[in-house]
Amino acid sequence: MKFISQRISGLLPDRESLRHKILASAALSTMVFAMQVLARIISTVILTRILTPEIFGVFAVVMTFIFVLEMFSDLGVRSLILTREGELDDGFLRSCWTAQILRGVLILLVCVLLGFCVAWGQDAQLFDIQSSYGDPILPYAIAAIGGFSIINGFASPAKFVYEREMKFREVSIAMLITVVCTTVLTIAFAFWLKNIWALVLGNFANALITVSLSYIMFKGPAMRMRWNRKDFRVIIDRGKWIIGHSALTAVMTMADRFVLGFAMSASSFGFYYIARQIVDMVQTFLNSIHAQMGLQVFTALQKDNAAEELRRRYYRYRILFDGLAMFGAGALMTFSPTLVRILYDDRYADVAGMIQILAIGLILIGPGLLREAYSAQRRFREMTMLSLVSAATVWIGLSVAIWGFNSITAALFVVALHRIPEIILLLIKGGRENWVSLLHEVRLIPLVPAGALVGWGMAWAVQALT
């Protein structure tokens, strides 16, 4: 933590308490991430030996549908609570809680409808029987997974109040308990059922634990249904831009699952799902830190009018993200074949090559953090346009790669690098507002070969020992 302290010191010299909260958040997020990685490794090693690759491929499609539905209906309750002016009254929190529940009911109904549509498509032989979409269990799993959205809707929004006040200790402990309990229960379900329902029930367990902890660990007003026109007008007025941004993010993020789910066999798609999980570990860690404090930090930074001072502090904040992302990208490129041999049996050997390509995309994490500056200024139109660019890039790129060149490899490169046009626009717009320094954008690129060298050394050491 000394390194983090040195980089963040001076970030907000007039706001010493905020600096300490940032340090505390980084430390807690690191602890939680370490436990998440450990839990994911343990569950992956066990589950891949109990369940077949085809099950992971079908489950990836199920989670694609639920993720897209959640993003398309995202009213941004968390963002509204974090950025709401003045004090938060109990009535507004109850209105947010009511909106969450109604959203969960809507998602369940759409999931049931989607299940019927997929079943009809299978009966009409619209899907390749070897693909994940051709699996007869898929319609039932899609309909069932919608149920956990209703459960999540009952979570107390008091957790977001804690995040608003940067009380990250309780947030981190709740995440830690959820990760450990969900991992244990999912593994138990897998030993019992040995099919996709183990993963579905694991998600239900996650939702129940999350909701329970939201009341046990976060003190707040008693929740009850409340329909207040003024509150819902605020939620809808600001939420419409958030929905647009979230919907485009979903379209962008899930494009690979939709397209590759059709183009790959169920087992190959299962390999891809596992490869994405491994690469996403680095991104999840960085996003967990940034999600907890990024909006608050950018809001505080932009209270100062001096653009040069904002830029200096912005790059101080970003150096941790850039450093870990670039180093992690290089390390995964060289160490992934050894990592896959350690974690999985011979059936999963193809996962390594996919990891090596997808890891390239980690280099783009740092520049993408500038999006939060627009969110802090409530410039949701700019965020929506940036999401539109990325969504168009990934869909067009994947379509050309799969149906134009008939190349899965080219599609993987599209997934890894599709954010380049968005990043270019961010840098151009940020440069006009004097937020961006091109020298600072490239100064840590040497960490990519450094990470690759370390990954190669680790692979050599493991081979020598075994």
Protein backbone atom coordinates (compact mmCIF):
# COMPACT_ATOMS: atom_id res chain seq x y z
CA MET A 1 0.00 0.00 0.00
CA LYS A 2 3.01 2.31 0.28
CA PHE A 3 3.18 2.50 -3.52
CA ILE A 4 -0.49 3.42 -3.79
CA SER A 5 -0.09 6.02 -1.06
CA GLN A 6 2.83 7.63 -2.88
CA ARG A 7 0.90 7.82 -6.15
CA ILE A 8 -2.27 9.20 -4.61
CA SER A 9 -0.60 11.61 -2.20
CA GLY A 10 -1.02 15.03 -3.67
CA LEU A 11 -4.01 13.90 -5.66
CA LEU A 12 -6.35 15.90 -3.50
CA PRO A 13 -4.12 17.95 -1.19
CA ASP A 14 -7.03 20.01 0.12
CA ARG A 15 -9.13 16.94 0.83
CA GLU A 16 -7.01 14.79 3.11
CA SER A 17 -9.94 12.71 4.35
CA LEU A 18 -10.89 11.76 0.78
CA ARG A 19 -7.32 10.67 0.11
CA HIS A 20 -7.44 8.33 3.11
CA LYS A 21 -10.78 6.94 1.96
CA ILE A 22 -9.27 6.24 -1.46
CA LEU A 23 -6.35 4.41 0.15
CA ALA A 24 -8.70 2.42 2.36
CA SER A 25 -10.87 1.54 -0.62
CA ALA A 26 -7.85 0.40 -2.64
CA ALA A 27 -6.64 -1.78 0.24
CA LEU A 28 -10.06 -3.34 0.83
CA SER A 29 -10.67 -3.87 -2.88
CA THR A 30 -7.31 -5.62 -3.15
CA MET A 31 -8.23 -7.94 -0.29
CA VAL A 32 -11.65 -8.71 -1.75
CA PHE A 33 -10.17 -9.25 -5.20
CA ALA A 34 -7.59 -11.68 -3.83
CA MET A 35 -10.37 -13.68 -2.25
CA GLN A 36 -12.42 -13.50 -5.46
CA VAL A 37 -9.49 -14.81 -7.47
CA LEU A 38 -8.88 -17.61 -4.99
CA ALA A 39 -12.58 -18.51 -4.96
CA ARG A 40 -12.78 -18.41 -8.76
CA ILE A 41 -9.69 -20.60 -9.14
CA ILE A 42 -11.00 -23.14 -6.64
CA SER A 43 -14.48 -23.22 -8.18
CA THR A 44 -13.12 -23.36 -11.74
CA VAL A 45 -10.75 -26.22 -10.98
CA ILE A 46 -13.53 -28.20 -9.30
CA LEU A 47 -16.41 -27.32 -11.62
CA THR A 48 -14.48 -28.03 -14.84
CA ARG A 49 -13.86 -31.53 -13.55
CA ILE A 50 -17.49 -32.11 -12.62
CA LEU A 51 -19.25 -30.33 -15.51
CA THR A 52 -18.63 -30.69 -19.24
CA PRO A 53 -17.48 -27.78 -21.47
CA GLU A 54 -20.88 -27.79 -23.19
CA ILE A 55 -22.56 -26.83 -19.90
CA PHE A 56 -20.38 -23.74 -19.60
CA GLY A 57 -21.22 -22.81 -23.19
CA VAL A 58 -24.98 -23.02 -22.58
CA PHE A 59 -24.68 -21.16 -19.28
CA ALA A 60 -22.73 -18.40 -21.03
CA VAL A 61 -25.74 -17.88 -23.33
CA VAL A 62 -28.10 -17.81 -20.32
CA MET A 63 -26.00 -15.16 -18.57
CA THR A 64 -25.80 -13.19 -21.81
CA PHE A 65 -29.58 -12.87 -21.95
CA ILE A 66 -29.94 -11.85 -18.31
CA PHE A 67 -27.07 -9.36 -18.52
CA VAL A 68 -28.55 -7.69 -21.59
CA LEU A 69 -32.00 -7.46 -19.99
CA GLU A 70 -30.57 -5.97 -16.81
CA MET A 71 -28.59 -3.39 -18.73
CA PHE A 72 -31.49 -2.47 -21.00
CA SER A 73 -33.62 -1.82 -17.91
CA ASP A 74 -30.91 -0.14 -15.85
CA LEU A 75 -32.37 3.02 -14.31
CA GLY A 76 -29.04 3.80 -12.66
CA VAL A 77 -30.36 3.76 -9.09
CA ARG A 78 -26.83 3.50 -7.73
CA SER A 79 -25.62 6.43 -9.85
CA LEU A 80 -28.68 8.50 -8.88
CA ILE A 81 -28.01 7.97 -5.18
CA LEU A 82 -24.28 8.66 -5.50
CA THR A 83 -24.76 11.91 -7.43
CA ARG A 84 -28.03 13.23 -5.95
CA GLU A 85 -27.67 16.79 -4.73
CA GLY A 86 -28.18 17.53 -1.04
CA GLU A 87 -29.30 15.10 1.62
CA LEU A 88 -30.99 11.81 0.79
CA ASP A 89 -34.44 11.46 2.32
CA ASP A 90 -36.03 8.15 3.23
CA GLY A 91 -38.85 8.66 0.75
CA PHE A 92 -36.47 8.87 -2.22
CA LEU A 93 -34.72 5.66 -1.14
CA ARG A 94 -38.07 3.88 -0.91
CA SER A 95 -38.98 5.12 -4.38
CA CYS A 96 -35.68 3.71 -5.68
CA TRP A 97 -36.44 0.41 -3.94
CA THR A 98 -39.88 0.29 -5.57
CA ALA A 99 -38.33 0.97 -8.98
CA GLN A 100 -35.87 -1.90 -8.44
CA ILE A 101 -38.67 -4.37 -7.68
CA LEU A 102 -40.77 -3.33 -10.68
CA ARG A 103 -37.70 -3.71 -12.87
CA GLY A 104 -37.13 -7.24 -11.52
CA VAL A 105 -40.71 -8.25 -12.33
CA LEU A 106 -40.32 -6.92 -15.87
CA ILE A 107 -37.07 -8.86 -16.39
CA LEU A 108 -38.68 -12.11 -15.21
CA LEU A 109 -41.60 -11.70 -17.62
CA VAL A 110 -39.25 -11.01 -20.54
CA CYS A 111 -37.08 -14.02 -19.61
CA VAL A 112 -40.13 -16.30 -19.71
CA LEU A 113 -41.07 -14.85 -23.10
CA LEU A 114 -37.51 -15.34 -24.39
CA GLY A 115 -37.60 -18.93 -23.18
CA PHE A 116 -40.71 -19.57 -25.27
CA CYS A 117 -39.09 -17.87 -28.29
CA VAL A 118 -35.92 -19.97 -28.04
CA ALA A 119 -37.98 -23.15 -27.66
CA TRP A 120 -39.97 -22.21 -30.77
CA GLY A 121 -36.72 -21.53 -32.66
CA GLN A 122 -35.40 -24.95 -31.68
CA ASP A 123 -38.61 -26.66 -32.81
CA ALA A 124 -38.35 -24.77 -36.11
CA GLN A 125 -34.70 -25.92 -36.40
CA LEU A 126 -33.39 -22.36 -36.63
CA PHE A 127 -30.31 -23.22 -34.56
CA ASP A 128 -27.45 -25.61 -35.16
CA ILE A 129 -28.04 -28.54 -32.83
CA GLN A 130 -24.32 -28.54 -31.96
CA SER A 131 -24.38 -24.90 -30.84
CA SER A 132 -25.31 -23.64 -27.38
CA TYR A 133 -28.57 -22.27 -28.78
CA GLY A 134 -29.60 -25.75 -29.88
CA ASP A 135 -29.42 -27.28 -26.39
CA PRO A 136 -32.93 -28.32 -25.27
CA ILE A 137 -32.31 -27.16 -21.68
CA LEU A 138 -31.58 -23.56 -22.74
CA PRO A 139 -35.21 -22.24 -22.85
CA TYR A 140 -35.92 -23.49 -19.33
CA ALA A 141 -32.66 -22.08 -17.95
CA ILE A 142 -33.37 -18.65 -19.48
CA ALA A 143 -36.87 -18.57 -17.98
CA ALA A 144 -35.58 -19.67 -14.57
CA ILE A 145 -32.66 -17.25 -14.35
CA GLY A 146 -35.06 -14.30 -14.57
CA GLY A 147 -36.26 -15.15 -11.08
CA PHE A 148 -33.09 -13.95 -9.43
CA SER A 149 -33.69 -10.45 -10.84
CA ILE A 150 -36.79 -10.14 -8.67
CA ILE A 151 -34.77 -11.27 -5.66
CA ASN A 152 -32.08 -8.69 -6.39
CA GLY A 153 -34.76 -6.00 -6.69
CA PHE A 154 -35.55 -6.36 -2.97
CA ALA A 155 -31.98 -5.40 -1.96
CA SER A 156 -31.85 -2.34 0.28
CA PRO A 157 -30.47 0.80 -1.45
CA ALA A 158 -28.82 1.69 1.87
CA LYS A 159 -25.69 0.03 0.47
CA PHE A 160 -25.42 2.80 -2.11
CA VAL A 161 -25.68 5.39 0.67
CA TYR A 162 -22.63 3.80 2.29
CA GLU A 163 -20.79 4.02 -1.04
CA ARG A 164 -21.86 7.65 -1.38
CA GLU A 165 -20.29 8.37 2.00
CA MET A 166 -17.26 6.22 1.00
CA LYS A 167 -17.77 3.77 3.87
CA PHE A 168 -16.13 0.94 1.99
CA ARG A 169 -15.38 -1.36 4.92
CA GLU A 170 -18.93 -2.69 5.13
CA VAL A 171 -19.23 -2.87 1.34
CA SER A 172 -16.06 -4.94 1.05
CA ILE A 173 -16.98 -7.30 3.88
CA ALA A 174 -20.40 -7.92 2.30
CA MET A 175 -18.76 -8.70 -1.05
CA LEU A 176 -16.31 -11.06 0.64
CA ILE A 177 -19.06 -13.00 2.45
CA THR A 178 -21.08 -13.23 -0.76
CA VAL A 179 -18.15 -14.56 -2.80
CA VAL A 180 -17.19 -17.24 -0.26
CA CYS A 181 -20.75 -18.46 0.39
CA THR A 182 -21.70 -18.47 -3.30
CA THR A 183 -18.59 -20.45 -4.24
CA VAL A 184 -19.20 -23.10 -1.59
CA LEU A 185 -22.88 -23.46 -2.49
CA THR A 186 -22.25 -23.61 -6.26
CA ILE A 187 -19.69 -26.38 -5.82
CA ALA A 188 -22.12 -28.25 -3.56
CA PHE A 189 -24.88 -27.92 -6.17
CA ALA A 190 -22.49 -29.18 -8.86
CA PHE A 191 -21.62 -32.33 -6.87
CA TRP A 192 -25.33 -32.91 -6.31
CA LEU A 193 -26.78 -32.17 -9.76
CA LYS A 194 -23.85 -32.37 -12.21
CA ASN A 195 -25.69 -30.23 -14.78
CA ILE A 196 -26.41 -26.61 -15.68
CA TRP A 197 -28.94 -26.24 -12.86
CA ALA A 198 -26.03 -26.19 -10.40
CA LEU A 199 -24.83 -22.92 -11.95
CA VAL A 200 -28.37 -21.50 -12.07
CA LEU A 201 -28.95 -22.31 -8.40
CA GLY A 202 -25.57 -20.78 -7.60
CA ASN A 203 -26.82 -17.49 -9.02
CA PHE A 204 -30.01 -17.73 -6.97
CA ALA A 205 -27.90 -18.29 -3.86
CA ASN A 206 -25.81 -15.25 -4.74
CA ALA A 207 -28.94 -13.10 -5.03
CA LEU A 208 -30.39 -14.31 -1.72
CA ILE A 209 -27.12 -13.69 0.12
CA THR A 210 -26.71 -10.23 -1.43
CA VAL A 211 -30.23 -9.16 -0.45
CA SER A 212 -29.91 -10.54 3.08
CA LEU A 213 -26.62 -8.74 3.69
CA SER A 214 -28.03 -5.47 2.33
CA TYR A 215 -30.32 -5.35 5.39
CA ILE A 216 -28.00 -6.95 7.92
CA MET A 217 -24.87 -4.89 7.24
CA PHE A 218 -26.20 -1.55 5.96
CA LYS A 219 -28.34 0.52 8.28
CA GLY A 220 -31.10 2.43 6.59
CA PRO A 221 -34.80 3.23 6.67
CA ALA A 222 -37.36 0.41 6.64
CA MET A 223 -38.26 -0.33 3.05
CA ARG A 224 -41.82 -0.31 1.77
CA MET A 225 -43.45 0.31 -1.59
CA ARG A 226 -43.73 4.00 -2.40
CA TRP A 227 -44.95 5.69 -5.56
CA ASN A 228 -44.03 9.36 -5.58
CA ARG A 229 -44.43 11.20 -8.88
CA LYS A 230 -41.69 13.70 -8.12
CA ASP A 231 -39.17 10.98 -7.23
CA PHE A 232 -40.06 8.84 -10.23
CA ARG A 233 -39.83 11.88 -12.48
CA VAL A 234 -36.23 12.35 -11.28
CA ILE A 235 -35.48 8.63 -11.70
CA ILE A 236 -36.90 8.51 -15.22
CA ASP A 237 -35.48 11.87 -16.32
CA ARG A 238 -31.92 10.94 -15.39
CA GLY A 239 -32.41 7.24 -15.91
CA LYS A 240 -33.32 7.56 -19.59
CA TRP A 241 -29.75 8.57 -20.42
CA ILE A 242 -28.36 5.89 -18.14
CA ILE A 243 -30.60 3.30 -19.81
CA GLY A 244 -29.32 4.39 -23.21
CA HIS A 245 -25.72 4.22 -22.05
CA SER A 246 -26.23 0.89 -20.25
CA ALA A 247 -28.12 -0.62 -23.19
CA LEU A 248 -25.34 0.28 -25.59
CA THR A 249 -22.78 -1.05 -23.11
CA ALA A 250 -24.70 -4.32 -23.00
CA VAL A 251 -24.90 -4.48 -26.79
CA MET A 252 -21.15 -3.88 -26.91
CA THR A 253 -20.18 -6.20 -24.06
CA MET A 254 -22.39 -9.11 -25.06
CA ALA A 255 -21.84 -8.97 -28.82
CA ASP A 256 -19.18 -11.65 -28.61
CA ARG A 257 -21.48 -13.98 -26.66
CA PHE A 258 -24.30 -13.58 -29.17
CA VAL A 259 -22.22 -13.92 -32.34
CA LEU A 260 -19.72 -16.52 -31.15
CA GLY A 261 -22.52 -18.51 -29.50
CA PHE A 262 -23.94 -19.07 -32.99
CA ALA A 263 -20.59 -19.53 -34.75
CA MET A 264 -18.95 -21.91 -32.25
CA SER A 265 -19.89 -25.36 -31.05
CA ALA A 266 -21.15 -25.53 -27.47
CA SER A 267 -17.83 -26.94 -26.22
CA SER A 268 -15.70 -24.30 -28.00
CA PHE A 269 -17.99 -21.58 -26.69
CA GLY A 270 -17.46 -23.06 -23.22
CA PHE A 271 -13.69 -22.65 -23.75
CA TYR A 272 -14.23 -19.03 -24.73
CA TYR A 273 -16.40 -18.40 -21.66
CA ILE A 274 -13.64 -19.73 -19.38
CA ALA A 275 -10.95 -17.72 -21.20
CA ARG A 276 -12.99 -14.54 -20.74
CA GLN A 277 -13.37 -15.29 -17.04
CA ILE A 278 -9.60 -15.55 -16.59
CA VAL A 279 -8.80 -12.37 -18.54
CA ASP A 280 -11.61 -10.54 -16.81
CA MET A 281 -10.00 -11.20 -13.42
CA VAL A 282 -7.58 -8.32 -13.98
CA GLN A 283 -10.32 -6.09 -15.36
CA THR A 284 -12.70 -7.03 -12.54
CA PHE A 285 -10.12 -6.05 -9.93
CA LEU A 286 -9.45 -2.67 -11.49
CA ASN A 287 -13.13 -2.05 -12.16
CA SER A 288 -14.02 -2.92 -8.57
CA ILE A 289 -11.66 -0.22 -7.28
CA HIS A 290 -12.77 2.30 -9.88
CA ALA A 291 -16.48 1.50 -9.41
CA GLN A 292 -16.26 2.14 -5.69
CA MET A 293 -14.56 5.51 -5.84
CA GLY A 294 -14.15 6.64 -9.47
CA LEU A 295 -17.31 8.72 -9.67
CA GLN A 296 -16.64 10.35 -6.32
CA VAL A 297 -13.02 11.11 -7.22
CA PHE A 298 -13.88 12.69 -10.57
CA THR A 299 -16.67 14.71 -8.95
CA ALA A 300 -14.17 16.05 -6.41
CA LEU A 301 -11.50 16.71 -9.04
CA GLN A 302 -13.80 18.77 -11.22
CA LYS A 303 -14.67 21.13 -8.40
CA ASP A 304 -11.36 22.78 -9.22
CA ASN A 305 -11.51 24.89 -12.35
CA ALA A 306 -7.82 24.63 -13.28
CA ALA A 307 -7.56 22.14 -16.16
CA GLU A 308 -3.84 21.56 -15.65
CA GLU A 309 -4.37 20.66 -12.00
CA LEU A 310 -7.20 18.32 -12.93
CA ARG A 311 -5.00 16.61 -15.53
CA ARG A 312 -2.13 16.18 -13.08
CA ARG A 313 -4.35 14.64 -10.43
CA TYR A 314 -6.19 12.50 -12.99
CA TYR A 315 -2.97 10.83 -14.13
CA ARG A 316 -1.88 10.31 -10.53
CA TYR A 317 -5.14 8.47 -9.97
CA ARG A 318 -4.74 6.46 -13.17
CA ILE A 319 -1.18 5.21 -12.80
CA LEU A 320 -2.18 2.23 -10.68
CA PHE A 321 -4.78 1.14 -13.24
CA ASP A 322 -2.44 1.57 -16.21
CA GLY A 323 0.42 -0.20 -14.51
CA LEU A 324 -1.50 -3.30 -13.43
CA ALA A 325 -3.46 -3.58 -16.69
CA MET A 326 -0.39 -3.40 -18.94
CA PHE A 327 1.73 -5.66 -16.75
CA GLY A 328 -1.15 -8.15 -16.50
CA ALA A 329 -1.63 -8.12 -20.28
CA GLY A 330 2.00 -9.02 -20.89
CA ALA A 331 2.07 -11.69 -18.18
CA LEU A 332 -1.06 -13.45 -19.49
CA MET A 333 0.29 -13.50 -23.04
CA THR A 334 3.22 -15.71 -22.01
CA PHE A 335 2.01 -17.51 -18.90
CA SER A 336 -1.48 -18.56 -20.03
CA PRO A 337 -0.48 -21.95 -21.59
CA THR A 338 1.15 -22.97 -18.31
CA LEU A 339 -1.75 -21.59 -16.30
CA VAL A 340 -4.26 -23.62 -18.29
CA ARG A 341 -2.20 -26.80 -17.87
CA ILE A 342 -2.16 -26.22 -14.11
CA LEU A 343 -5.86 -25.48 -13.69
CA TYR A 344 -7.59 -27.74 -16.21
CA ASP A 345 -7.36 -31.15 -17.77
CA ASP A 346 -6.42 -31.80 -21.40
CA ARG A 347 -9.96 -31.11 -22.67
CA TYR A 348 -9.45 -27.36 -22.02
CA ALA A 349 -6.09 -26.87 -23.81
CA ASP A 350 -7.68 -24.53 -26.40
CA VAL A 351 -8.43 -22.00 -23.66
CA ALA A 352 -4.79 -20.84 -23.58
CA GLY A 353 -4.69 -19.42 -27.11
CA MET A 354 -7.91 -17.52 -26.52
CA ILE A 355 -6.50 -15.99 -23.32
CA GLN A 356 -3.39 -14.77 -25.16
CA ILE A 357 -5.46 -12.85 -27.70
CA LEU A 358 -8.05 -11.47 -25.27
CA ALA A 359 -5.34 -10.25 -22.89
CA ILE A 360 -4.29 -7.60 -25.43
CA GLY A 361 -7.48 -5.71 -24.64
CA LEU A 362 -6.34 -5.04 -21.07
CA ILE A 363 -4.02 -2.34 -22.41
CA LEU A 364 -7.08 -0.18 -23.16
CA ILE A 365 -8.46 -0.17 -19.59
CA GLY A 366 -6.61 2.95 -18.41
CA PRO A 367 -7.64 5.37 -21.19
CA GLY A 368 -11.24 4.24 -20.83
CA LEU A 369 -11.43 5.58 -17.27
CA LEU A 370 -11.86 9.08 -18.67
CA ARG A 371 -15.51 8.21 -19.32
CA GLU A 372 -16.16 8.76 -15.62
CA ALA A 373 -15.33 12.44 -16.03
CA TYR A 374 -18.40 12.84 -18.23
CA SER A 375 -20.51 10.89 -15.74
CA ALA A 376 -19.35 13.18 -12.91
CA GLN A 377 -20.50 16.17 -14.99
CA ARG A 378 -23.79 14.37 -15.81
CA ARG A 379 -22.93 14.57 -19.52
CA PHE A 380 -24.81 11.39 -20.29
CA ARG A 381 -25.22 12.28 -23.96
CA GLU A 382 -21.44 12.08 -24.52
CA MET A 383 -21.31 8.76 -22.67
CA THR A 384 -24.12 7.40 -24.81
CA MET A 385 -22.38 8.45 -28.03
CA LEU A 386 -19.13 6.80 -26.92
CA SER A 387 -21.01 3.59 -26.14
CA LEU A 388 -22.67 3.77 -29.55
CA VAL A 389 -19.27 3.93 -31.25
CA SER A 390 -17.99 0.88 -29.35
CA ALA A 391 -21.18 -1.08 -29.97
CA ALA A 392 -21.06 -0.40 -33.70
CA THR A 393 -17.36 -1.29 -33.85
CA VAL A 394 -17.68 -4.66 -32.14
CA TRP A 395 -20.81 -5.76 -34.01
CA ILE A 396 -19.48 -4.76 -37.43
CA GLY A 397 -16.06 -6.22 -36.65
CA LEU A 398 -17.46 -9.55 -35.45
CA SER A 399 -19.82 -9.81 -38.42
CA VAL A 400 -16.96 -9.23 -40.88
CA ALA A 401 -14.66 -11.65 -39.03
CA ILE A 402 -17.20 -14.49 -38.79
CA TRP A 403 -19.28 -14.18 -41.93
CA GLY A 404 -16.80 -12.30 -44.09
CA PHE A 405 -13.52 -14.08 -43.32
CA ASN A 406 -14.93 -17.14 -41.51
CA SER A 407 -12.24 -16.67 -38.86
CA ILE A 408 -12.73 -17.23 -35.14
CA THR A 409 -9.21 -15.91 -34.53
CA ALA A 410 -10.03 -12.62 -36.23
CA ALA A 411 -13.20 -12.42 -34.11
CA LEU A 412 -11.12 -12.80 -30.94
CA PHE A 413 -8.90 -9.89 -32.00
CA VAL A 414 -12.04 -7.81 -32.61
CA VAL A 415 -13.23 -8.58 -29.06
CA ALA A 416 -9.85 -7.58 -27.63
CA LEU A 417 -9.39 -4.33 -29.60
CA HIS A 418 -12.90 -3.06 -30.40
CA ARG A 419 -12.59 -0.14 -27.95
CA ILE A 420 -9.83 1.54 -29.96
CA PRO A 421 -12.20 3.90 -31.87
CA GLU A 422 -13.88 4.89 -28.59
CA ILE A 423 -10.50 5.50 -26.93
CA ILE A 424 -9.39 7.67 -29.86
CA LEU A 425 -12.54 9.79 -29.49
CA LEU A 426 -12.00 10.03 -25.74
CA LEU A 427 -8.45 11.26 -26.24
CA ILE A 428 -9.53 13.80 -28.86
CA LYS A 429 -12.37 15.15 -26.71
CA GLY A 430 -10.22 15.08 -23.59
CA GLY A 431 -7.44 16.90 -25.43
CA ARG A 432 -9.82 19.69 -26.42
CA GLU A 433 -10.77 20.15 -22.77
CA ASN A 434 -7.10 19.98 -21.74
CA TRP A 435 -7.64 16.80 -19.71
CA VAL A 436 -5.30 14.56 -21.71
CA SER A 437 -1.53 14.35 -22.13
CA LEU A 438 -0.38 11.99 -24.90
CA LEU A 439 2.98 11.51 -23.18
CA HIS A 440 1.23 10.25 -20.04
CA GLU A 441 -0.90 7.93 -22.15
CA VAL A 442 2.09 5.97 -23.46
CA ARG A 443 4.62 6.24 -20.64
CA LEU A 444 3.76 2.85 -19.09
CA ILE A 445 3.61 0.78 -22.30
CA PRO A 446 7.07 -0.73 -21.49
CA LEU A 447 5.31 -2.61 -18.68
CA VAL A 448 3.71 -4.88 -21.32
CA PRO A 449 7.02 -6.50 -22.37
CA ALA A 450 8.11 -6.44 -18.73
CA GLY A 451 5.00 -8.43 -17.79
CA ALA A 452 5.59 -10.80 -20.70
CA LEU A 453 9.13 -11.42 -19.46
CA VAL A 454 7.90 -12.14 -15.94
CA GLY A 455 5.19 -14.46 -17.32
CA TRP A 456 7.79 -16.32 -19.37
CA GLY A 457 10.00 -16.65 -16.29
CA MET A 458 7.11 -18.04 -14.26
CA ALA A 459 6.30 -20.53 -17.00
CA TRP A 460 9.93 -21.64 -17.16
CA ALA A 461 10.09 -22.02 -13.38
CA VAL A 462 6.94 -24.13 -13.27
CA GLN A 463 8.22 -26.33 -16.09
CA ALA A 464 11.56 -26.75 -14.34
CA LEU A 465 9.88 -27.71 -11.07
CA THR A 466 7.49 -30.20 -12.63
